[in-house]
Amino acid sequence: MTGSEAPSPFRLAYVPGVTPAKWVGVWRERLPDVPLELVAVSAAEAQDVLRGGGADAGLVRLPVDRPYFSAIPLYTETTVVVVPKDHVIAAVDEVTAADLADEVVFHPLDDTLGWERPPGRPGFERPATTGDAVELVAAGVGLLVVPQSLARLHHRRDLTYRTVTDVPQSQVALSWPEERTTDAVEHFIGIVRGRTVNSTRGRRPAGAAGEQPKQRASRAASGAGSGAGTGGGARSRSAGGGSGSGGGAAKGARRGAGGAQGARKGRPRRRS
């Protein structure tokens, strides 16, 4: 050590199917002195990990526990049905829930789609995981409806998938505990929102990105420079217009738009 402590790492949790690489790459370019650690978690345990301090923020699937967590929706995934390559559904581009009515459709315990009523006929059991359900599909005993990223994650050469048009869709969001809206979190918000390196919204010197509020206050009180004193105002504005400190400033701009999206009805369309 040379008189100053190394910045604390920023820990980013992510759930299966989410690929944080592009945002992690930008972080490492802009803040090379602040380590970013990835924490792989299941969709079911993501909120507990964030609540318990195992990660500073997470790329998770909505919904999350409001108002404890803030969330910025990032994208909505296409929902697909995973089928054997020789299944009749493999001959079409897309299907509806009604097209699956006579099929056995597995509903794993780690399902992320929040069904009111799953399509098809229930399987002989509820598989513990999506991976287990994929194995059953490969065995030819049923089908599986999942977000497209999970179908890709569990890809097998003997399986394929097709779009399902009128069922719930999974929404991926950046989420973190509202009361722990640190500067490091603000930096990552700027990255996922596509702010440029020259943007003044929420920016602080790289060495300050891992500081907690008490550390910043102590540094400001000891005369560490006017930059630390003025940065807090910029951080408050970065969350979308609020004037409060920490998570309060972020609240208005981080309301997710979850729920199912309606889509087209009808029988399968033959592939050309």
C-alpha atoms as a PDB file:
ATOM      1  CA  MET A   1       0.000   0.000   0.000  1.00  0.00           C
ATOM      2  CA  THR A   2       1.124   3.546  -0.716  1.00  0.00           C
ATOM      3  CA  GLY A   3      -1.169   5.441   1.627  1.00  0.00           C
ATOM      4  CA  SER A   4      -4.532   4.778  -0.067  1.00  0.00           C
ATOM      5  CA  GLU A   5      -6.609   1.622   0.060  1.00  0.00           C
ATOM      6  CA  ALA A   6      -7.459  -0.254  -3.139  1.00  0.00           C
ATOM      7  CA  PRO A   7     -11.092   0.313  -4.207  1.00  0.00           C
ATOM      8  CA  SER A   8     -13.596  -2.352  -3.238  1.00  0.00           C
ATOM      9  CA  PRO A   9     -14.682  -4.619  -6.113  1.00  0.00           C
ATOM     10  CA  PHE A  10     -18.075  -4.138  -7.716  1.00  0.00           C
ATOM     11  CA  ARG A  11     -19.925  -7.455  -7.518  1.00  0.00           C
ATOM     12  CA  LEU A  12     -22.471  -8.112 -10.252  1.00  0.00           C
ATOM     13  CA  ALA A  13     -24.852 -11.067  -9.948  1.00  0.00           C
ATOM     14  CA  TYR A  14     -26.445 -12.552 -13.054  1.00  0.00           C
ATOM     15  CA  VAL A  15     -29.027 -15.254 -13.643  1.00  0.00           C
ATOM     16  CA  PRO A  16     -28.882 -18.113 -16.190  1.00  0.00           C
ATOM     17  CA  GLY A  17     -29.424 -16.993 -19.771  1.00  0.00           C
ATOM     18  CA  VAL A  18     -28.226 -13.428 -19.167  1.00  0.00           C
ATOM     19  CA  THR A  19     -24.891 -12.502 -20.778  1.00  0.00           C
ATOM     20  CA  PRO A  20     -23.272  -9.516 -19.035  1.00  0.00           C
ATOM     21  CA  ALA A  21     -20.070  -9.564 -21.117  1.00  0.00           C
ATOM     22  CA  LYS A  22     -20.691  -6.386 -23.145  1.00  0.00           C
ATOM     23  CA  TRP A  23     -21.381  -4.269 -20.045  1.00  0.00           C
ATOM     24  CA  VAL A  24     -18.514  -5.823 -18.123  1.00  0.00           C
ATOM     25  CA  GLY A  25     -16.188  -4.959 -20.998  1.00  0.00           C
ATOM     26  CA  VAL A  26     -17.229  -1.297 -20.911  1.00  0.00           C
ATOM     27  CA  TRP A  27     -16.762  -1.184 -17.118  1.00  0.00           C
ATOM     28  CA  ARG A  28     -13.236  -2.542 -17.371  1.00  0.00           C
ATOM     29  CA  GLU A  29     -12.359  -0.007 -20.071  1.00  0.00           C
ATOM     30  CA  ARG A  30     -13.704   2.961 -18.102  1.00  0.00           C
ATOM     31  CA  LEU A  31     -12.797   1.888 -14.569  1.00  0.00           C
ATOM     32  CA  PRO A  32      -9.689  -0.275 -14.891  1.00  0.00           C
ATOM     33  CA  ASP A  33      -8.724   0.345 -11.264  1.00  0.00           C
ATOM     34  CA  VAL A  34     -12.056  -0.903  -9.855  1.00  0.00           C
ATOM     35  CA  PRO A  35     -12.355  -4.716 -10.090  1.00  0.00           C
ATOM     36  CA  LEU A  36     -15.681  -6.138 -11.282  1.00  0.00           C
ATOM     37  CA  GLU A  37     -16.553  -9.590  -9.957  1.00  0.00           C
ATOM     38  CA  LEU A  38     -19.276 -11.707 -11.567  1.00  0.00           C
ATOM     39  CA  VAL A  39     -21.526 -13.768  -9.285  1.00  0.00           C
ATOM     40  CA  ALA A  40     -23.551 -16.513 -10.993  1.00  0.00           C
ATOM     41  CA  VAL A  41     -26.881 -17.125  -9.217  1.00  0.00           C
ATOM     42  CA  SER A  42     -30.092 -18.985  -9.976  1.00  0.00           C
ATOM     43  CA  ALA A  43     -33.189 -16.943 -10.751  1.00  0.00           C
ATOM     44  CA  ALA A  44     -34.759 -18.134  -7.489  1.00  0.00           C
ATOM     45  CA  GLU A  45     -31.867 -17.040  -5.266  1.00  0.00           C
ATOM     46  CA  ALA A  46     -30.956 -13.758  -6.990  1.00  0.00           C
ATOM     47  CA  GLN A  47     -32.958 -11.487  -4.677  1.00  0.00           C
ATOM     48  CA  ASP A  48     -31.686 -13.209  -1.533  1.00  0.00           C
ATOM     49  CA  VAL A  49     -28.087 -12.780  -2.714  1.00  0.00           C
ATOM     50  CA  LEU A  50     -28.640  -9.059  -3.323  1.00  0.00           C
ATOM     51  CA  ARG A  51     -30.520  -8.608  -0.065  1.00  0.00           C
ATOM     52  CA  GLY A  52     -27.765 -10.340   1.893  1.00  0.00           C
ATOM     53  CA  GLY A  53     -24.968  -8.280   0.353  1.00  0.00           C
ATOM     54  CA  GLY A  54     -23.527 -11.093  -1.769  1.00  0.00           C
ATOM     55  CA  ALA A  55     -23.586  -8.739  -4.757  1.00  0.00           C
ATOM     56  CA  ASP A  56     -23.963  -4.977  -5.250  1.00  0.00           C
ATOM     57  CA  ALA A  57     -26.364  -5.261  -8.187  1.00  0.00           C
ATOM     58  CA  GLY A  58     -27.741  -7.998 -10.401  1.00  0.00           C
ATOM     59  CA  LEU A  59     -28.982  -8.759 -13.882  1.00  0.00           C
ATOM     60  CA  VAL A  60     -32.191 -10.538 -12.872  1.00  0.00           C
ATOM     61  CA  ARG A  61     -35.607 -11.504 -14.156  1.00  0.00           C
ATOM     62  CA  LEU A  62     -38.599  -9.424 -13.122  1.00  0.00           C
ATOM     63  CA  PRO A  63     -40.572  -9.124 -10.943  1.00  0.00           C
ATOM     64  CA  VAL A  64     -38.529  -8.080  -7.920  1.00  0.00           C
ATOM     65  CA  ASP A  65     -39.603  -7.145  -4.408  1.00  0.00           C
ATOM     66  CA  ARG A  66     -40.679  -3.497  -4.472  1.00  0.00           C
ATOM     67  CA  PRO A  67     -39.966  -1.062  -2.933  1.00  0.00           C
ATOM     68  CA  TYR A  68     -36.935  -2.783  -1.380  1.00  0.00           C
ATOM     69  CA  PHE A  69     -35.308  -3.190  -4.808  1.00  0.00           C
ATOM     70  CA  SER A  70     -34.888  -0.661  -7.578  1.00  0.00           C
ATOM     71  CA  ALA A  71     -34.955  -2.033 -11.112  1.00  0.00           C
ATOM     72  CA  ILE A  72     -34.231  -0.777 -14.614  1.00  0.00           C
ATOM     73  CA  PRO A  73     -35.863  -3.008 -17.272  1.00  0.00           C
ATOM     74  CA  LEU A  74     -33.352  -3.809 -20.016  1.00  0.00           C
ATOM     75  CA  TYR A  75     -35.103  -6.070 -22.512  1.00  0.00           C
ATOM     76  CA  THR A  76     -37.923  -8.577 -22.962  1.00  0.00           C
ATOM     77  CA  GLU A  77     -37.172 -12.060 -24.230  1.00  0.00           C
ATOM     78  CA  THR A  78     -38.997 -14.078 -26.847  1.00  0.00           C
ATOM     79  CA  THR A  79     -40.677 -17.172 -25.402  1.00  0.00           C
ATOM     80  CA  VAL A  80     -40.058 -20.455 -27.228  1.00  0.00           C
ATOM     81  CA  VAL A  81     -41.055 -24.094 -27.043  1.00  0.00           C
ATOM     82  CA  VAL A  82     -38.216 -26.645 -27.000  1.00  0.00           C
ATOM     83  CA  VAL A  83     -39.001 -29.746 -29.075  1.00  0.00           C
ATOM     84  CA  PRO A  84     -37.167 -32.738 -30.600  1.00  0.00           C
ATOM     85  CA  LYS A  85     -35.953 -31.996 -34.124  1.00  0.00           C
ATOM     86  CA  ASP A  86     -38.299 -34.619 -35.581  1.00  0.00           C
ATOM     87  CA  HIS A  87     -41.385 -33.203 -33.823  1.00  0.00           C
ATOM     88  CA  VAL A  88     -44.179 -31.798 -36.029  1.00  0.00           C
ATOM     89  CA  ILE A  89     -43.736 -28.341 -34.445  1.00  0.00           C
ATOM     90  CA  ALA A  90     -40.190 -28.218 -35.853  1.00  0.00           C
ATOM     91  CA  ALA A  91     -41.751 -27.838 -39.314  1.00  0.00           C
ATOM     92  CA  VAL A  92     -43.283 -24.437 -38.536  1.00  0.00           C
ATOM     93  CA  ASP A  93     -41.942 -21.012 -37.568  1.00  0.00           C
ATOM     94  CA  GLU A  94     -44.179 -20.276 -34.601  1.00  0.00           C
ATOM     95  CA  VAL A  95     -47.081 -21.652 -32.598  1.00  0.00           C
ATOM     96  CA  THR A  96     -49.701 -20.463 -30.110  1.00  0.00           C
ATOM     97  CA  ALA A  97     -50.573 -21.839 -26.701  1.00  0.00           C
ATOM     98  CA  ALA A  98     -53.604 -23.514 -28.270  1.00  0.00           C
ATOM     99  CA  ASP A  99     -51.299 -25.475 -30.584  1.00  0.00           C
ATOM    100  CA  LEU A 100     -49.727 -27.048 -27.493  1.00  0.00           C
ATOM    101  CA  ALA A 101     -53.036 -28.088 -25.928  1.00  0.00           C
ATOM    102  CA  ASP A 102     -52.581 -31.808 -26.650  1.00  0.00           C
ATOM    103  CA  GLU A 103     -48.874 -31.888 -25.830  1.00  0.00           C
ATOM    104  CA  VAL A 104     -47.255 -32.748 -22.496  1.00  0.00           C
ATOM    105  CA  VAL A 105     -45.491 -29.556 -21.439  1.00  0.00           C
ATOM    106  CA  PHE A 106     -43.095 -29.661 -18.486  1.00  0.00           C
ATOM    107  CA  HIS A 107     -43.182 -26.850 -15.927  1.00  0.00           C
ATOM    108  CA  PRO A 108     -39.891 -26.937 -13.964  1.00  0.00           C
ATOM    109  CA  LEU A 109     -39.667 -25.648 -10.414  1.00  0.00           C
ATOM    110  CA  ASP A 110     -37.237 -22.920 -11.499  1.00  0.00           C
ATOM    111  CA  ASP A 111     -39.620 -21.626 -14.184  1.00  0.00           C
ATOM    112  CA  THR A 112     -39.285 -17.873 -14.774  1.00  0.00           C
ATOM    113  CA  LEU A 113     -42.400 -17.098 -16.832  1.00  0.00           C
ATOM    114  CA  GLY A 114     -44.936 -16.686 -14.025  1.00  0.00           C
ATOM    115  CA  TRP A 115     -47.721 -18.698 -15.604  1.00  0.00           C
ATOM    116  CA  GLU A 116     -51.318 -18.148 -14.569  1.00  0.00           C
ATOM    117  CA  ARG A 117     -52.010 -21.425 -16.347  1.00  0.00           C
ATOM    118  CA  PRO A 118     -49.216 -23.252 -18.211  1.00  0.00           C
ATOM    119  CA  PRO A 119     -50.106 -24.477 -21.720  1.00  0.00           C
ATOM    120  CA  GLY A 120     -50.508 -28.104 -22.665  1.00  0.00           C
ATOM    121  CA  ARG A 121     -51.048 -31.096 -20.420  1.00  0.00           C
ATOM    122  CA  PRO A 122     -48.983 -31.307 -17.220  1.00  0.00           C
ATOM    123  CA  GLY A 123     -46.068 -33.707 -17.142  1.00  0.00           C
ATOM    124  CA  PHE A 124     -45.867 -36.706 -14.840  1.00  0.00           C
ATOM    125  CA  GLU A 125     -43.637 -34.597 -12.581  1.00  0.00           C
ATOM    126  CA  ARG A 126     -42.306 -31.081 -12.190  1.00  0.00           C
ATOM    127  CA  PRO A 127     -38.565 -31.238 -12.967  1.00  0.00           C
ATOM    128  CA  ALA A 128     -36.356 -29.508 -10.417  1.00  0.00           C
ATOM    129  CA  THR A 129     -34.550 -27.406 -13.003  1.00  0.00           C
ATOM    130  CA  THR A 130     -34.825 -26.241 -16.587  1.00  0.00           C
ATOM    131  CA  GLY A 131     -31.823 -28.430 -17.391  1.00  0.00           C
ATOM    132  CA  ASP A 132     -33.668 -31.490 -16.076  1.00  0.00           C
ATOM    133  CA  ALA A 133     -36.717 -30.578 -18.172  1.00  0.00           C
ATOM    134  CA  VAL A 134     -34.544 -30.310 -21.303  1.00  0.00           C
ATOM    135  CA  GLU A 135     -33.303 -33.862 -20.664  1.00  0.00           C
ATOM    136  CA  LEU A 136     -36.902 -35.067 -20.559  1.00  0.00           C
ATOM    137  CA  VAL A 137     -37.675 -33.298 -23.834  1.00  0.00           C
ATOM    138  CA  ALA A 138     -34.671 -35.052 -25.389  1.00  0.00           C
ATOM    139  CA  ALA A 139     -36.096 -38.345 -24.137  1.00  0.00           C
ATOM    140  CA  GLY A 140     -39.247 -37.648 -26.147  1.00  0.00           C
ATOM    141  CA  VAL A 141     -41.689 -37.534 -23.241  1.00  0.00           C
ATOM    142  CA  GLY A 142     -42.789 -33.896 -23.437  1.00  0.00           C
ATOM    143  CA  LEU A 143     -42.012 -30.309 -24.432  1.00  0.00           C
ATOM    144  CA  LEU A 144     -40.754 -27.241 -22.572  1.00  0.00           C
ATOM    145  CA  VAL A 145     -41.660 -23.538 -22.848  1.00  0.00           C
ATOM    146  CA  VAL A 146     -38.880 -21.143 -21.735  1.00  0.00           C
ATOM    147  CA  PRO A 147     -37.278 -17.779 -22.525  1.00  0.00           C
ATOM    148  CA  GLN A 148     -35.185 -18.067 -25.682  1.00  0.00           C
ATOM    149  CA  SER A 149     -31.893 -17.477 -23.858  1.00  0.00           C
ATOM    150  CA  LEU A 150     -32.486 -20.564 -21.714  1.00  0.00           C
ATOM    151  CA  ALA A 151     -33.211 -22.653 -24.797  1.00  0.00           C
ATOM    152  CA  ARG A 152     -29.855 -21.497 -26.161  1.00  0.00           C
ATOM    153  CA  LEU A 153     -28.091 -22.086 -22.860  1.00  0.00           C
ATOM    154  CA  HIS A 154     -29.287 -25.718 -22.777  1.00  0.00           C
ATOM    155  CA  HIS A 155     -28.809 -26.310 -26.510  1.00  0.00           C
ATOM    156  CA  ARG A 156     -28.594 -29.904 -27.717  1.00  0.00           C
ATOM    157  CA  ARG A 157     -28.005 -31.135 -31.250  1.00  0.00           C
ATOM    158  CA  ASP A 158     -31.128 -33.306 -31.142  1.00  0.00           C
ATOM    159  CA  LEU A 159     -33.427 -30.447 -30.054  1.00  0.00           C
ATOM    160  CA  THR A 160     -34.663 -27.209 -31.572  1.00  0.00           C
ATOM    161  CA  TYR A 161     -37.110 -24.485 -30.560  1.00  0.00           C
ATOM    162  CA  ARG A 162     -39.865 -22.369 -32.061  1.00  0.00           C
ATOM    163  CA  THR A 163     -41.487 -19.078 -31.023  1.00  0.00           C
ATOM    164  CA  VAL A 164     -44.691 -19.188 -28.960  1.00  0.00           C
ATOM    165  CA  THR A 165     -46.646 -16.012 -29.700  1.00  0.00           C
ATOM    166  CA  ASP A 166     -49.339 -15.569 -27.050  1.00  0.00           C
ATOM    167  CA  VAL A 167     -47.758 -16.544 -23.728  1.00  0.00           C
ATOM    168  CA  PRO A 168     -45.944 -14.643 -20.946  1.00  0.00           C
ATOM    169  CA  GLN A 169     -42.480 -13.282 -21.683  1.00  0.00           C
ATOM    170  CA  SER A 170     -39.528 -12.857 -19.353  1.00  0.00           C
ATOM    171  CA  GLN A 171     -38.189  -9.366 -18.703  1.00  0.00           C
ATOM    172  CA  VAL A 172     -34.539  -8.896 -17.721  1.00  0.00           C
ATOM    173  CA  ALA A 173     -33.582  -5.951 -15.512  1.00  0.00           C
ATOM    174  CA  LEU A 174     -30.695  -4.417 -13.625  1.00  0.00           C
ATOM    175  CA  SER A 175     -31.702  -4.458  -9.958  1.00  0.00           C
ATOM    176  CA  TRP A 176     -30.163  -3.543  -6.601  1.00  0.00           C
ATOM    177  CA  PRO A 177     -31.280  -2.738  -3.036  1.00  0.00           C
ATOM    178  CA  GLU A 178     -32.770   0.771  -3.060  1.00  0.00           C
ATOM    179  CA  GLU A 179     -31.011   1.811   0.136  1.00  0.00           C
ATOM    180  CA  ARG A 180     -27.612   0.761  -1.237  1.00  0.00           C
ATOM    181  CA  THR A 181     -27.455   2.928  -4.346  1.00  0.00           C
ATOM    182  CA  THR A 182     -23.691   3.461  -4.294  1.00  0.00           C
ATOM    183  CA  ASP A 183     -21.539   5.337  -6.773  1.00  0.00           C
ATOM    184  CA  ALA A 184     -20.417   2.011  -8.224  1.00  0.00           C
ATOM    185  CA  VAL A 185     -24.058   1.135  -8.897  1.00  0.00           C
ATOM    186  CA  GLU A 186     -24.564   4.555 -10.503  1.00  0.00           C
ATOM    187  CA  HIS A 187     -21.588   3.939 -12.780  1.00  0.00           C
ATOM    188  CA  PHE A 188     -23.036   0.621 -13.903  1.00  0.00           C
ATOM    189  CA  ILE A 189     -26.454   2.219 -14.476  1.00  0.00           C
ATOM    190  CA  GLY A 190     -24.764   4.672 -16.836  1.00  0.00           C
ATOM    191  CA  ILE A 191     -23.129   1.815 -18.711  1.00  0.00           C
ATOM    192  CA  VAL A 192     -26.306  -0.231 -19.236  1.00  0.00           C
ATOM    193  CA  ARG A 193     -28.127   2.938 -20.311  1.00  0.00           C
ATOM    194  CA  GLY A 194     -25.492   3.616 -22.919  1.00  0.00           C
ATOM    195  CA  ARG A 195     -24.102   6.838 -21.510  1.00  0.00           C
ATOM    196  CA  THR A 196     -20.819   7.902 -23.040  1.00  0.00           C
ATOM    197  CA  VAL A 197     -17.611   8.239 -21.094  1.00  0.00           C
ATOM    198  CA  ASN A 198     -17.963  12.042 -21.327  1.00  0.00           C
ATOM    199  CA  SER A 199     -21.399  12.111 -19.726  1.00  0.00           C
ATOM    200  CA  THR A 200     -21.484  14.012 -16.430  1.00  0.00           C
ATOM    201  CA  ARG A 201     -24.503  12.123 -15.132  1.00  0.00           C
ATOM    202  CA  GLY A 202     -23.507  10.106 -12.084  1.00  0.00           C
ATOM    203  CA  ARG A 203     -19.789  10.341 -12.795  1.00  0.00           C
ATOM    204  CA  ARG A 204     -17.062  10.255 -10.154  1.00  0.00           C
ATOM    205  CA  PRO A 205     -13.347   9.610 -10.336  1.00  0.00           C
ATOM    206  CA  ALA A 206     -12.603   5.915 -10.897  1.00  0.00           C
ATOM    207  CA  GLY A 207     -11.011   5.542  -7.473  1.00  0.00           C
ATOM    208  CA  ALA A 208     -14.229   6.660  -5.788  1.00  0.00           C
ATOM    209  CA  ALA A 209     -16.526   4.195  -7.542  1.00  0.00           C
ATOM    210  CA  GLY A 210     -16.425   1.635  -4.758  1.00  0.00           C
ATOM    211  CA  GLU A 211     -16.848   4.051  -1.867  1.00  0.00           C
ATOM    212  CA  GLN A 212     -19.777   3.866   0.476  1.00  0.00           C
ATOM    213  CA  PRO A 213     -21.658   7.050   1.521  1.00  0.00           C
ATOM    214  CA  LYS A 214     -19.865   7.271   4.906  1.00  0.00           C
ATOM    215  CA  GLN A 215     -16.489   6.965   3.236  1.00  0.00           C
ATOM    216  CA  ARG A 216     -17.361   9.764   0.812  1.00  0.00           C
ATOM    217  CA  ALA A 217     -18.570  12.009   3.618  1.00  0.00           C
ATOM    218  CA  SER A 218     -15.375  11.407   5.574  1.00  0.00           C
ATOM    219  CA  ARG A 219     -13.216  12.142   2.541  1.00  0.00           C
ATOM    220  CA  ALA A 220     -15.129  15.355   1.826  1.00  0.00           C
ATOM    221  CA  ALA A 221     -14.871  16.506   5.453  1.00  0.00           C
ATOM    222  CA  SER A 222     -11.113  15.964   5.471  1.00  0.00           C
ATOM    223  CA  GLY A 223     -10.701  18.345   2.524  1.00  0.00           C
ATOM    224  CA  ALA A 224     -10.050  15.782  -0.174  1.00  0.00           C
ATOM    225  CA  GLY A 225     -11.170  18.221  -2.871  1.00  0.00           C
ATOM    226  CA  SER A 226     -14.212  19.914  -4.264  1.00  0.00           C
ATOM    227  CA  GLY A 227     -14.765  17.145  -6.824  1.00  0.00           C
ATOM    228  CA  ALA A 228     -16.069  14.805  -4.104  1.00  0.00           C
ATOM    229  CA  GLY A 229     -18.344  17.487  -2.769  1.00  0.00           C
ATOM    230  CA  THR A 230     -20.009  18.252  -6.074  1.00  0.00           C
ATOM    231  CA  GLY A 231     -20.216  14.682  -7.349  1.00  0.00           C
ATOM    232  CA  GLY A 232     -23.168  13.837  -5.091  1.00  0.00           C
ATOM    233  CA  GLY A 233     -25.425  16.245  -6.962  1.00  0.00           C
ATOM    234  CA  ALA A 234     -24.515  14.646 -10.246  1.00  0.00           C
ATOM    235  CA  ARG A 235     -25.204  11.199  -8.786  1.00  0.00           C
ATOM    236  CA  SER A 236     -28.670  12.210  -7.653  1.00  0.00           C
ATOM    237  CA  ARG A 237     -29.572  13.488 -11.101  1.00  0.00           C
ATOM    238  CA  SER A 238     -28.361  10.350 -12.847  1.00  0.00           C
ATOM    239  CA  ALA A 239     -31.267   8.216 -11.709  1.00  0.00           C
ATOM    240  CA  GLY A 240     -33.850  10.099 -13.710  1.00  0.00           C
ATOM    241  CA  GLY A 241     -34.841  13.366 -12.112  1.00  0.00           C
ATOM    242  CA  GLY A 242     -35.171  12.789  -8.353  1.00  0.00           C
ATOM    243  CA  SER A 243     -33.526  15.190  -5.951  1.00  0.00           C
ATOM    244  CA  GLY A 244     -33.202  12.818  -2.968  1.00  0.00           C
ATOM    245  CA  SER A 245     -30.052  10.958  -1.985  1.00  0.00           C
ATOM    246  CA  GLY A 246     -29.168   7.306  -2.656  1.00  0.00           C
ATOM    247  CA  GLY A 247     -31.979   5.088  -3.889  1.00  0.00           C
ATOM    248  CA  GLY A 248     -34.695   7.756  -3.449  1.00  0.00           C
ATOM    249  CA  ALA A 249     -33.417   9.677  -6.446  1.00  0.00           C
ATOM    250  CA  ALA A 250     -33.602   6.585  -8.602  1.00  0.00           C
ATOM    251  CA  LYS A 251     -37.095   5.485  -7.782  1.00  0.00           C
ATOM    252  CA  GLY A 252     -39.164   7.283 -10.400  1.00  0.00           C
ATOM    253  CA  ALA A 253     -37.195   6.063 -13.387  1.00  0.00           C
ATOM    254  CA  ARG A 254     -36.959   2.383 -12.468  1.00  0.00           C
ATOM    255  CA  ARG A 255     -40.417   1.001 -12.662  1.00  0.00           C
ATOM    256  CA  GLY A 256     -40.589  -2.234 -14.593  1.00  0.00           C
ATOM    257  CA  ALA A 257     -43.192  -2.991 -17.135  1.00  0.00           C
ATOM    258  CA  GLY A 258     -43.694  -6.688 -16.425  1.00  0.00           C
ATOM    259  CA  GLY A 259     -46.526  -8.927 -17.376  1.00  0.00           C
ATOM    260  CA  ALA A 260     -47.516 -10.973 -20.363  1.00  0.00           C
ATOM    261  CA  GLN A 261     -47.678  -9.521 -23.835  1.00  0.00           C
ATOM    262  CA  GLY A 262     -50.512 -10.532 -26.078  1.00  0.00           C
ATOM    263  CA  ALA A 263     -49.752 -11.763 -29.549  1.00  0.00           C
ATOM    264  CA  ARG A 264     -51.233 -13.275 -32.647  1.00  0.00           C
ATOM    265  CA  LYS A 265     -53.743 -16.117 -32.571  1.00  0.00           C
ATOM    266  CA  GLY A 266     -54.053 -18.900 -35.076  1.00  0.00           C
ATOM    267  CA  ARG A 267     -52.685 -22.212 -36.232  1.00  0.00           C
ATOM    268  CA  PRO A 268     -49.004 -22.821 -37.016  1.00  0.00           C
ATOM    269  CA  ARG A 269     -47.657 -21.145 -40.160  1.00  0.00           C
ATOM    270  CA  ARG A 270     -45.816 -23.541 -42.468  1.00  0.00           C
ATOM    271  CA  ARG A 271     -42.215 -22.686 -43.134  1.00  0.00           C
ATOM    272  CA  SER A 272     -41.508 -21.689 -46.726  1.00  0.00           C
END
